[in-house]
Amino acid sequence: MNSFEVIGGKKLKGEIVPQGAKNEALQIISAVLLTSQKVTITNIPDILDVNLLIELLGEMNVKIERPQRDTCIFQADDVNVDYLRSDGYKQKSGRLRGSVMLAGPMLARFRKAYIPKPGGDKIGRRRLDTHIIGFEKLGATFNYLPEDGFFELQAPDLRGNYLMLDEPSVTGTANIVMAAVMAEGITTIYNAACEPYLQQLCKMLNRMGAKISGIGSNLLTIEGVQSLNGTEHRMLPDMIEIGSFIGLAAMTQSDITIKNAGIEHLGIIPDKFRQLGIQLQFEGDDIHVPAQEVYEIQTFLDGSVLTIYDHPWPGFTPDLLSIVLVVATQARGSVLIHQKMFESRLFFVDKLIDMGAQIILCDPHRAAVIGLGREQNLRGIQMSSPDIRAGVSLLIAALSADGKSVIQNIEQIDRGYQYIDKRLQALGADIKRI
């Protein structure tokens, strides 16, 4: 098992280019199953979760060319549907939360699908109810097979329907959209997720011949079509990486420029970092974060303590709350971090407390951070990465801390961030993989 050894306290400088969006990639790559024609996808992040999904498609007999690490040409003209009941599929897909995204396109085109129990981060419950209920309303039948841990879905006759989602799940919405594009009749999805990644999926499907309207809103209307064609698609920059680099620059008092950041797709993310007192300068589509000695957390207009919480888009993404929490530890002022969606995602704060941060974990969902204002630096320790986002948050803390830190279980970080050690080294970070 690999670890990162980090010598902290160094100021970084330079330019960094964000990878393609992980959360978009899992949806877009699954959608290649909807057509027998070639689909070319560029700006693919070279990370564990995405590569695992590409391997899964290859084992399903999808033809794959990879002329560059960030480009794949897929052709799903000879898919082995029975592979989805194999032990190999169960083992590989059980490690990957994103494998659930194969169900929608498989139902649409082949009228049956199998979903293993979800894998991925240990950050709390991740329900499949939204996916399953949506498929059932489109005409699919659902059975759980306890002997091998699969959910079996069959849909000999998919028909459009009106769906009111119980939660605006991004993956749930994407999965239902992919099933509905080839269902007979019209499907209406209300309380749909409207994240940029979902907008990208819908635009790609429309280029393939789907008829989806309402893109960017929480009310999607889908007119089913008989078949879809091939297309080309380029993924957005990863907004979670961009937020991570903003936090990194602030914590390490570094001067960093994030190139080609896709600013128009970042929503309120820049504003939330500005609420922490971080200066951001937009230069074309680049974000320049100048070196700051101190950044001060704002209060609400009535002077009360700032609260930052996650909320469905266009609210603040839950994937950046861990980053915001770490960045707040060295700010001047206080903030309440309220993680609504996942009940275990704040449990990594014990590592930050060991490093010298002043944090009160109020309950599984809320943490009060009293910023040190750099009066006392964090200190390096040995720790373990519990999930992707917490892992990078701890890495940022280690890069800003005095002395040496060792971060174990970095496979979690590799699941979401490509070549992170090499890219940070290029900025002057003292980090090595051991």
Protein backbone atom coordinates (compact mmCIF):
# COMPACT_ATOMS: atom_id res chain seq x y z
CA MET A 1 0.00 0.00 0.00
CA ASN A 2 1.42 3.38 -1.05
CA SER A 3 1.74 6.50 1.09
CA PHE A 4 2.60 10.14 0.53
CA GLU A 5 5.48 11.62 2.49
CA VAL A 6 5.07 15.40 2.68
CA ILE A 7 7.42 18.05 4.04
CA GLY A 8 5.16 21.02 4.68
CA GLY A 9 5.62 24.74 5.07
CA LYS A 10 6.80 25.48 1.53
CA LYS A 11 5.22 28.24 -0.54
CA LEU A 12 4.26 27.04 -4.02
CA LYS A 13 4.19 28.93 -7.28
CA GLY A 14 3.18 28.31 -10.86
CA GLU A 15 0.39 27.18 -13.15
CA ILE A 16 -1.73 24.05 -12.93
CA VAL A 17 -4.32 22.65 -15.36
CA PRO A 18 -7.35 20.89 -13.85
CA GLN A 19 -8.15 17.39 -15.06
CA GLY A 20 -11.41 16.44 -16.74
CA ALA A 21 -14.37 16.12 -14.40
CA LYS A 22 -14.52 12.76 -12.59
CA ASN A 23 -18.26 12.96 -11.86
CA GLU A 24 -19.03 13.82 -15.47
CA ALA A 25 -16.80 11.05 -16.79
CA LEU A 26 -18.71 8.25 -15.05
CA GLN A 27 -21.98 9.35 -16.68
CA ILE A 28 -20.60 10.18 -20.13
CA ILE A 29 -18.59 6.97 -20.48
CA SER A 30 -21.60 4.86 -19.42
CA ALA A 31 -23.68 6.57 -22.13
CA VAL A 32 -21.55 5.02 -24.92
CA LEU A 33 -23.61 1.85 -24.39
CA LEU A 34 -26.64 3.62 -25.87
CA THR A 35 -25.39 3.35 -29.47
CA SER A 36 -23.63 0.86 -31.71
CA GLN A 37 -21.77 3.72 -33.42
CA LYS A 38 -18.44 5.26 -32.43
CA VAL A 39 -18.33 7.78 -29.58
CA THR A 40 -15.15 9.84 -29.07
CA ILE A 41 -14.58 11.37 -25.62
CA THR A 42 -11.76 13.79 -24.78
CA ASN A 43 -10.39 15.36 -21.59
CA ILE A 44 -10.90 12.08 -19.72
CA PRO A 45 -9.25 12.11 -16.26
CA ASP A 46 -6.61 9.39 -15.90
CA ILE A 47 -7.79 8.21 -12.48
CA LEU A 48 -8.58 4.89 -10.86
CA ASP A 49 -12.39 5.11 -10.84
CA VAL A 50 -12.62 6.17 -14.48
CA ASN A 51 -10.06 3.63 -15.69
CA LEU A 52 -11.94 0.91 -13.82
CA LEU A 53 -15.16 1.83 -15.65
CA ILE A 54 -13.33 1.80 -19.00
CA GLU A 55 -11.95 -1.67 -18.14
CA LEU A 56 -15.48 -2.83 -17.33
CA LEU A 57 -16.72 -1.70 -20.74
CA GLY A 58 -13.81 -3.51 -22.39
CA GLU A 59 -14.75 -6.73 -20.60
CA MET A 60 -18.31 -6.26 -21.87
CA ASN A 61 -16.85 -6.44 -25.43
CA VAL A 62 -17.04 -2.71 -26.07
CA LYS A 63 -14.28 -1.83 -28.56
CA ILE A 64 -11.95 0.80 -27.11
CA GLU A 65 -9.15 2.79 -28.73
CA ARG A 66 -7.08 5.09 -26.50
CA PRO A 67 -4.82 7.16 -28.76
CA GLN A 68 -3.94 9.38 -25.77
CA ARG A 69 -4.51 8.97 -22.03
CA ASP A 70 -7.20 11.68 -22.10
CA THR A 71 -8.98 10.39 -25.22
CA CYS A 72 -11.02 7.25 -25.88
CA ILE A 73 -12.97 6.07 -28.90
CA PHE A 74 -15.72 3.62 -27.90
CA GLN A 75 -17.88 1.39 -30.06
CA ALA A 76 -20.51 -0.76 -28.33
CA ASP A 77 -21.63 -2.79 -31.36
CA ASP A 78 -21.14 -6.27 -29.82
CA VAL A 79 -21.96 -5.97 -26.11
CA ASN A 80 -21.87 -9.14 -24.01
CA VAL A 81 -24.92 -8.56 -21.82
CA ASP A 82 -24.44 -11.83 -19.92
CA TYR A 83 -21.11 -10.56 -18.55
CA LEU A 84 -23.15 -8.45 -16.13
CA ARG A 85 -24.04 -11.59 -14.15
CA SER A 86 -20.46 -12.83 -13.89
CA ASP A 87 -18.26 -12.93 -10.80
CA GLY A 88 -15.70 -10.76 -12.60
CA TYR A 89 -18.27 -8.00 -13.11
CA LYS A 90 -19.46 -8.32 -9.53
CA GLN A 91 -15.95 -7.98 -8.09
CA LYS A 92 -14.87 -5.08 -10.29
CA SER A 93 -18.12 -3.11 -10.25
CA GLY A 94 -18.54 -3.62 -6.50
CA ARG A 95 -15.38 -1.51 -6.01
CA LEU A 96 -16.80 1.32 -8.11
CA ARG A 97 -19.78 3.43 -7.10
CA GLY A 98 -20.07 4.69 -10.67
CA SER A 99 -20.88 1.23 -12.04
CA VAL A 100 -24.54 1.88 -11.16
CA MET A 101 -24.55 4.29 -14.13
CA LEU A 102 -24.45 1.35 -16.54
CA ALA A 103 -28.01 0.34 -15.58
CA GLY A 104 -29.85 3.14 -17.41
CA PRO A 105 -28.22 2.65 -20.83
CA MET A 106 -28.40 -1.15 -20.51
CA LEU A 107 -32.15 -0.98 -19.81
CA ALA A 108 -32.69 1.45 -22.68
CA ARG A 109 -30.87 -0.57 -25.30
CA PHE A 110 -30.87 -4.17 -24.08
CA ARG A 111 -33.92 -4.10 -21.76
CA LYS A 112 -32.13 -5.68 -18.80
CA ALA A 113 -29.45 -4.69 -16.29
CA TYR A 114 -27.76 -5.86 -13.10
CA ILE A 115 -26.54 -3.62 -10.32
CA PRO A 116 -24.18 -4.88 -7.59
CA LYS A 117 -24.23 -3.43 -4.12
CA PRO A 118 -22.54 -0.02 -4.46
CA GLY A 119 -18.86 0.43 -3.69
CA GLY A 120 -16.73 3.57 -3.42
CA ASP A 121 -16.25 5.90 -0.48
CA LYS A 122 -17.12 5.01 3.09
CA ILE A 123 -18.93 8.29 3.68
CA GLY A 124 -22.39 7.10 4.71
CA ARG A 125 -25.46 5.65 3.05
CA ARG A 126 -25.86 6.11 -0.66
CA ARG A 127 -29.34 5.02 -1.56
CA LEU A 128 -30.24 3.38 -4.84
CA ASP A 129 -33.95 4.02 -4.27
CA THR A 130 -34.13 7.00 -6.64
CA HIS A 131 -32.62 4.92 -9.46
CA ILE A 132 -34.76 1.84 -8.88
CA ILE A 133 -38.08 3.68 -8.37
CA GLY A 134 -37.43 5.72 -11.51
CA PHE A 135 -36.76 2.59 -13.56
CA GLU A 136 -39.92 0.94 -12.19
CA LYS A 137 -42.03 3.94 -13.21
CA LEU A 138 -40.67 3.53 -16.74
CA GLY A 139 -41.87 -0.09 -16.72
CA ALA A 140 -38.89 -2.05 -15.38
CA THR A 141 -39.34 -4.91 -12.90
CA PHE A 142 -36.94 -5.14 -10.00
CA ASN A 143 -35.70 -8.12 -8.00
CA TYR A 144 -32.95 -8.47 -5.43
CA LEU A 145 -30.87 -11.63 -5.75
CA PRO A 146 -29.48 -12.21 -2.22
CA GLU A 147 -27.46 -15.26 -3.23
CA ASP A 148 -25.07 -13.17 -5.32
CA GLY A 149 -25.79 -9.62 -4.11
CA PHE A 150 -27.23 -8.26 -7.38
CA PHE A 151 -30.22 -6.08 -8.15
CA GLU A 152 -31.83 -7.48 -11.32
CA LEU A 153 -33.80 -5.17 -13.62
CA GLN A 154 -35.80 -6.20 -16.67
CA ALA A 155 -37.78 -3.93 -18.97
CA PRO A 156 -39.18 -5.62 -22.09
CA ASP A 157 -41.44 -2.59 -22.59
CA LEU A 158 -40.05 0.79 -21.47
CA ARG A 159 -42.67 3.55 -21.55
CA GLY A 160 -42.42 7.23 -20.74
CA ASN A 161 -44.03 8.48 -17.52
CA TYR A 162 -44.23 11.43 -15.13
CA LEU A 163 -41.61 11.15 -12.40
CA MET A 164 -41.35 13.28 -9.27
CA LEU A 165 -37.97 12.41 -7.77
CA ASP A 166 -37.80 12.13 -3.97
CA GLU A 167 -34.38 13.81 -4.08
CA PRO A 168 -32.48 15.63 -6.86
CA SER A 169 -29.89 12.87 -7.12
CA VAL A 170 -27.31 13.57 -9.83
CA THR A 171 -26.58 9.92 -10.59
CA GLY A 172 -30.27 9.01 -10.19
CA THR A 173 -31.34 11.71 -12.64
CA ALA A 174 -28.61 10.74 -15.12
CA ASN A 175 -29.51 7.06 -14.95
CA ILE A 176 -33.23 7.72 -15.48
CA VAL A 177 -32.50 10.13 -18.35
CA MET A 178 -30.39 7.48 -20.10
CA ALA A 179 -33.15 4.89 -19.68
CA ALA A 180 -35.86 7.30 -20.86
CA VAL A 181 -34.20 8.51 -24.09
CA MET A 182 -35.21 5.25 -25.82
CA ALA A 183 -38.49 4.61 -23.97
CA GLU A 184 -41.75 4.88 -25.90
CA GLY A 185 -43.55 8.18 -25.40
CA ILE A 186 -42.72 11.19 -23.23
CA THR A 187 -40.98 11.14 -19.85
CA THR A 188 -41.14 14.14 -17.53
CA ILE A 189 -38.70 14.31 -14.61
CA TYR A 190 -39.48 16.87 -11.92
CA ASN A 191 -37.06 17.71 -9.08
CA ALA A 192 -34.30 16.62 -11.45
CA ALA A 193 -30.68 17.41 -10.67
CA CYS A 194 -29.34 20.23 -12.83
CA GLU A 195 -25.56 20.13 -12.17
CA PRO A 196 -23.28 21.12 -15.09
CA TYR A 197 -22.28 17.45 -15.43
CA LEU A 198 -25.89 16.45 -16.03
CA GLN A 199 -26.31 19.31 -18.48
CA GLN A 200 -23.25 17.98 -20.34
CA LEU A 201 -24.80 14.48 -20.49
CA CYS A 202 -28.11 15.81 -21.83
CA LYS A 203 -26.38 17.93 -24.48
CA MET A 204 -24.31 14.94 -25.56
CA LEU A 205 -27.41 12.73 -25.80
CA ASN A 206 -29.18 15.37 -27.89
CA ARG A 207 -26.22 15.43 -30.29
CA MET A 208 -26.68 11.64 -30.53
CA GLY A 209 -30.31 12.13 -31.57
CA ALA A 210 -32.17 12.22 -28.24
CA LYS A 211 -34.93 14.79 -27.65
CA ILE A 212 -34.38 16.32 -24.20
CA SER A 213 -35.68 19.77 -23.26
CA GLY A 214 -35.44 21.76 -20.03
CA ILE A 215 -31.67 21.25 -19.77
CA GLY A 216 -30.26 23.27 -16.86
CA SER A 217 -33.58 23.31 -14.99
CA ASN A 218 -35.13 20.87 -12.51
CA LEU A 219 -37.87 19.92 -14.99
CA LEU A 220 -36.69 17.69 -17.84
CA THR A 221 -38.90 16.50 -20.69
CA ILE A 222 -37.68 13.56 -22.77
CA GLU A 223 -39.34 12.38 -25.97
CA GLY A 224 -38.26 8.80 -26.60
CA VAL A 225 -36.51 7.87 -29.85
CA GLN A 226 -35.86 4.50 -31.53
CA SER A 227 -32.06 4.68 -31.61
CA LEU A 228 -29.08 6.96 -31.04
CA ASN A 229 -26.02 7.79 -33.15
CA GLY A 230 -22.35 8.33 -32.43
CA THR A 231 -20.88 11.67 -31.40
CA GLU A 232 -17.84 13.50 -30.00
CA HIS A 233 -17.74 14.99 -26.52
CA ARG A 234 -15.25 16.97 -24.43
CA MET A 235 -15.52 16.92 -20.66
CA LEU A 236 -15.55 20.00 -18.46
CA PRO A 237 -12.66 20.79 -16.12
CA ASP A 238 -13.18 19.19 -12.69
CA MET A 239 -14.74 21.82 -10.42
CA ILE A 240 -13.71 19.85 -7.31
CA GLU A 241 -10.07 19.94 -8.39
CA ILE A 242 -10.36 23.66 -9.05
CA GLY A 243 -11.76 24.23 -5.57
CA SER A 244 -9.02 22.04 -4.12
CA PHE A 245 -6.31 24.12 -5.82
CA ILE A 246 -7.87 27.37 -4.58
CA GLY A 247 -7.78 25.96 -1.05
CA LEU A 248 -4.22 24.72 -1.52
CA ALA A 249 -3.03 28.17 -2.61
CA ALA A 250 -4.65 29.86 0.39
CA MET A 251 -3.38 27.36 2.97
CA THR A 252 0.21 27.43 1.71
CA GLN A 253 0.31 31.22 1.03
CA SER A 254 1.11 30.42 -2.58
CA ASP A 255 0.73 32.23 -5.89
CA ILE A 256 -1.05 29.78 -8.19
CA THR A 257 -2.83 30.19 -11.51
CA ILE A 258 -5.45 27.59 -12.43
CA LYS A 259 -5.54 27.41 -16.22
CA ASN A 260 -8.65 26.79 -18.36
CA ALA A 261 -10.92 26.56 -15.30
CA GLY A 262 -14.29 26.66 -17.07
CA ILE A 263 -15.32 29.60 -14.87
CA GLU A 264 -18.83 29.85 -16.35
CA HIS A 265 -19.60 26.36 -14.99
CA LEU A 266 -18.36 26.91 -11.42
CA GLY A 267 -21.56 28.46 -10.05
CA ILE A 268 -21.14 29.83 -6.51
CA ILE A 269 -17.89 27.97 -5.80
CA PRO A 270 -15.67 31.08 -6.20
CA ASP A 271 -18.03 33.12 -3.99
CA LYS A 272 -17.80 30.56 -1.16
CA PHE A 273 -14.00 30.79 -1.15
CA ARG A 274 -14.26 34.58 -1.20
CA GLN A 275 -16.44 34.31 1.93
CA LEU A 276 -13.40 32.75 3.59
CA GLY A 277 -11.41 35.86 2.64
CA ILE A 278 -9.52 34.32 -0.29
CA GLN A 279 -8.72 36.68 -3.15
CA LEU A 280 -9.50 35.36 -6.63
CA GLN A 281 -8.75 37.10 -9.90
CA PHE A 282 -10.36 35.95 -13.16
CA GLU A 283 -8.06 36.37 -16.16
CA GLY A 284 -9.97 35.14 -19.19
CA ASP A 285 -10.82 31.54 -18.28
CA ASP A 286 -7.95 31.31 -15.77
CA ILE A 287 -8.19 31.81 -12.00
CA HIS A 288 -5.24 33.56 -10.35
CA VAL A 289 -4.96 33.05 -6.58
CA PRO A 290 -2.34 35.53 -5.29
CA ALA A 291 -0.26 34.77 -2.22
CA GLN A 292 -1.97 36.00 0.96
CA GLU A 293 -0.44 36.25 4.42
CA VAL A 294 -3.85 36.19 6.10
CA TYR A 295 -7.41 35.63 4.90
CA GLU A 296 -10.37 36.57 7.08
CA ILE A 297 -13.71 34.75 7.23
CA GLN A 298 -16.70 36.98 6.59
CA THR A 299 -19.73 37.08 8.87
CA PHE A 300 -23.37 37.33 7.91
CA LEU A 301 -24.74 40.89 7.59
CA ASP A 302 -26.08 40.81 11.16
CA GLY A 303 -22.62 39.88 12.46
CA SER A 304 -23.45 36.24 13.19
CA VAL A 305 -21.03 33.37 12.48
CA LEU A 306 -20.86 32.27 8.85
CA THR A 307 -22.38 28.88 8.02
CA ILE A 308 -21.36 27.02 4.86
CA TYR A 309 -23.49 24.03 3.91
CA ASP A 310 -24.02 21.77 0.93
CA HIS A 311 -27.10 21.95 -1.24
CA PRO A 312 -28.17 20.61 -4.65
CA TRP A 313 -26.98 22.68 -7.61
CA PRO A 314 -26.90 25.63 -7.96
CA GLY A 315 -26.06 25.38 -4.26
CA PHE A 316 -22.62 24.49 -2.94
CA THR A 317 -21.34 21.00 -3.81
CA PRO A 318 -20.80 18.61 -0.86
CA ASP A 319 -17.53 17.44 -2.42
CA LEU A 320 -15.84 20.74 -1.49
CA LEU A 321 -16.96 21.01 2.14
CA SER A 322 -13.93 19.01 3.32
CA ILE A 323 -11.65 21.45 1.48
CA VAL A 324 -13.45 24.50 2.92
CA LEU A 325 -13.17 23.05 6.42
CA VAL A 326 -9.40 22.59 6.14
CA VAL A 327 -8.89 26.04 4.63
CA ALA A 328 -10.88 27.60 7.51
CA THR A 329 -8.45 26.21 10.09
CA GLN A 330 -5.80 28.80 9.13
CA ALA A 331 -8.19 31.67 8.40
CA ARG A 332 -8.91 34.47 10.84
CA GLY A 333 -12.42 34.01 12.24
CA SER A 334 -14.93 31.22 12.74
CA VAL A 335 -17.27 29.21 10.52
CA LEU A 336 -19.80 26.41 10.98
CA ILE A 337 -19.50 23.65 8.36
CA HIS A 338 -22.79 21.79 7.89
CA GLN A 339 -22.49 18.60 5.83
CA LYS A 340 -26.10 17.61 5.19
CA MET A 341 -25.83 14.77 2.70
CA PHE A 342 -23.35 12.27 4.19
CA GLU A 343 -23.27 11.42 7.87
CA SER A 344 -19.65 10.19 7.99
CA ARG A 345 -17.84 12.73 5.86
CA LEU A 346 -16.64 14.94 8.72
CA PHE A 347 -15.07 12.17 10.75
CA PHE A 348 -11.62 12.98 9.33
CA VAL A 349 -11.44 16.12 11.50
CA ASP A 350 -9.83 14.13 14.32
CA LYS A 351 -6.66 14.09 12.16
CA LEU A 352 -6.79 17.88 11.83
CA ILE A 353 -7.27 18.24 15.58
CA ASP A 354 -4.16 16.08 16.06
CA MET A 355 -2.34 18.53 13.76
CA GLY A 356 -3.31 21.41 16.03
CA ALA A 357 -6.51 22.70 14.39
CA GLN A 358 -9.25 24.10 16.61
CA ILE A 359 -12.38 22.24 15.56
CA ILE A 360 -15.45 21.18 17.51
CA LEU A 361 -17.25 18.23 15.94
CA CYS A 362 -20.80 19.02 17.04
CA ASP A 363 -22.36 15.86 15.54
CA PRO A 364 -21.85 13.70 12.41
CA HIS A 365 -23.06 16.55 10.21
CA ARG A 366 -21.66 19.75 11.75
CA ALA A 367 -18.23 21.04 12.70
CA ALA A 368 -17.37 24.45 14.15
CA VAL A 369 -13.95 25.72 13.03
CA ILE A 370 -12.11 28.42 14.98
CA GLY A 371 -9.52 29.80 12.59
CA LEU A 372 -5.99 30.13 13.96
CA GLY A 373 -5.15 33.09 11.74
CA ARG A 374 -1.65 31.58 11.30
CA GLU A 375 -0.80 32.36 14.92
CA GLN A 376 -0.08 28.66 15.29
CA ASN A 377 0.91 26.47 12.35
CA LEU A 378 -0.41 22.96 11.92
CA ARG A 379 2.13 20.23 12.67
CA GLY A 380 2.91 17.18 10.56
CA ILE A 381 1.59 13.78 11.69
CA GLN A 382 0.98 10.28 10.32
CA MET A 383 -2.57 9.75 9.09
CA SER A 384 -4.75 7.76 6.71
CA SER A 385 -7.03 8.91 3.89
CA PRO A 386 -10.64 7.79 4.55
CA ASP A 387 -12.15 8.96 1.24
CA ILE A 388 -11.23 10.92 -1.88
CA ARG A 389 -12.12 14.43 -0.72
CA ALA A 390 -10.97 14.04 2.89
CA GLY A 391 -7.72 12.58 1.56
CA VAL A 392 -6.96 15.66 -0.51
CA SER A 393 -8.01 17.90 2.37
CA LEU A 394 -5.48 16.15 4.61
CA LEU A 395 -2.87 16.49 1.85
CA ILE A 396 -3.49 20.25 1.72
CA ALA A 397 -3.19 20.41 5.52
CA ALA A 398 0.11 18.47 5.35
CA LEU A 399 1.52 20.80 2.69
CA SER A 400 0.84 23.78 4.95
CA ALA A 401 2.03 22.14 8.19
CA ASP A 402 5.40 22.34 9.92
CA GLY A 403 7.51 19.19 9.57
CA LYS A 404 6.85 15.83 7.95
CA SER A 405 3.50 14.16 7.42
CA VAL A 406 2.80 10.66 6.12
CA ILE A 407 -0.58 9.99 4.50
CA GLN A 408 -1.50 6.34 4.10
CA ASN A 409 -4.25 4.72 1.98
CA ILE A 410 -3.58 7.17 -0.84
CA GLU A 411 -5.36 4.85 -3.27
CA GLN A 412 -8.44 6.80 -2.16
CA ILE A 413 -6.82 10.03 -3.40
CA ASP A 414 -5.74 8.36 -6.65
CA ARG A 415 -9.38 7.44 -7.29
CA GLY A 416 -10.18 11.09 -7.89
CA TYR A 417 -6.99 13.06 -8.63
CA GLN A 418 -4.63 12.19 -11.49
CA TYR A 419 -0.84 12.33 -10.98
CA ILE A 420 -1.45 14.61 -7.99
CA ASP A 421 2.04 14.16 -6.56
CA LYS A 422 3.78 15.00 -9.86
CA ARG A 423 1.58 18.01 -10.49
CA LEU A 424 2.21 19.38 -7.01
CA GLN A 425 5.95 18.76 -7.37
CA ALA A 426 5.84 20.97 -10.48
CA LEU A 427 4.56 23.78 -8.22
CA GLY A 428 7.45 23.24 -5.79
CA ALA A 429 5.78 20.94 -3.26
CA ASP A 430 7.97 18.51 -1.29
CA ILE A 431 5.90 15.37 -1.77
CA LYS A 432 6.90 11.85 -2.71
CA ARG A 433 5.14 8.55 -3.11
CA ILE A 434 6.58 5.82 -0.88
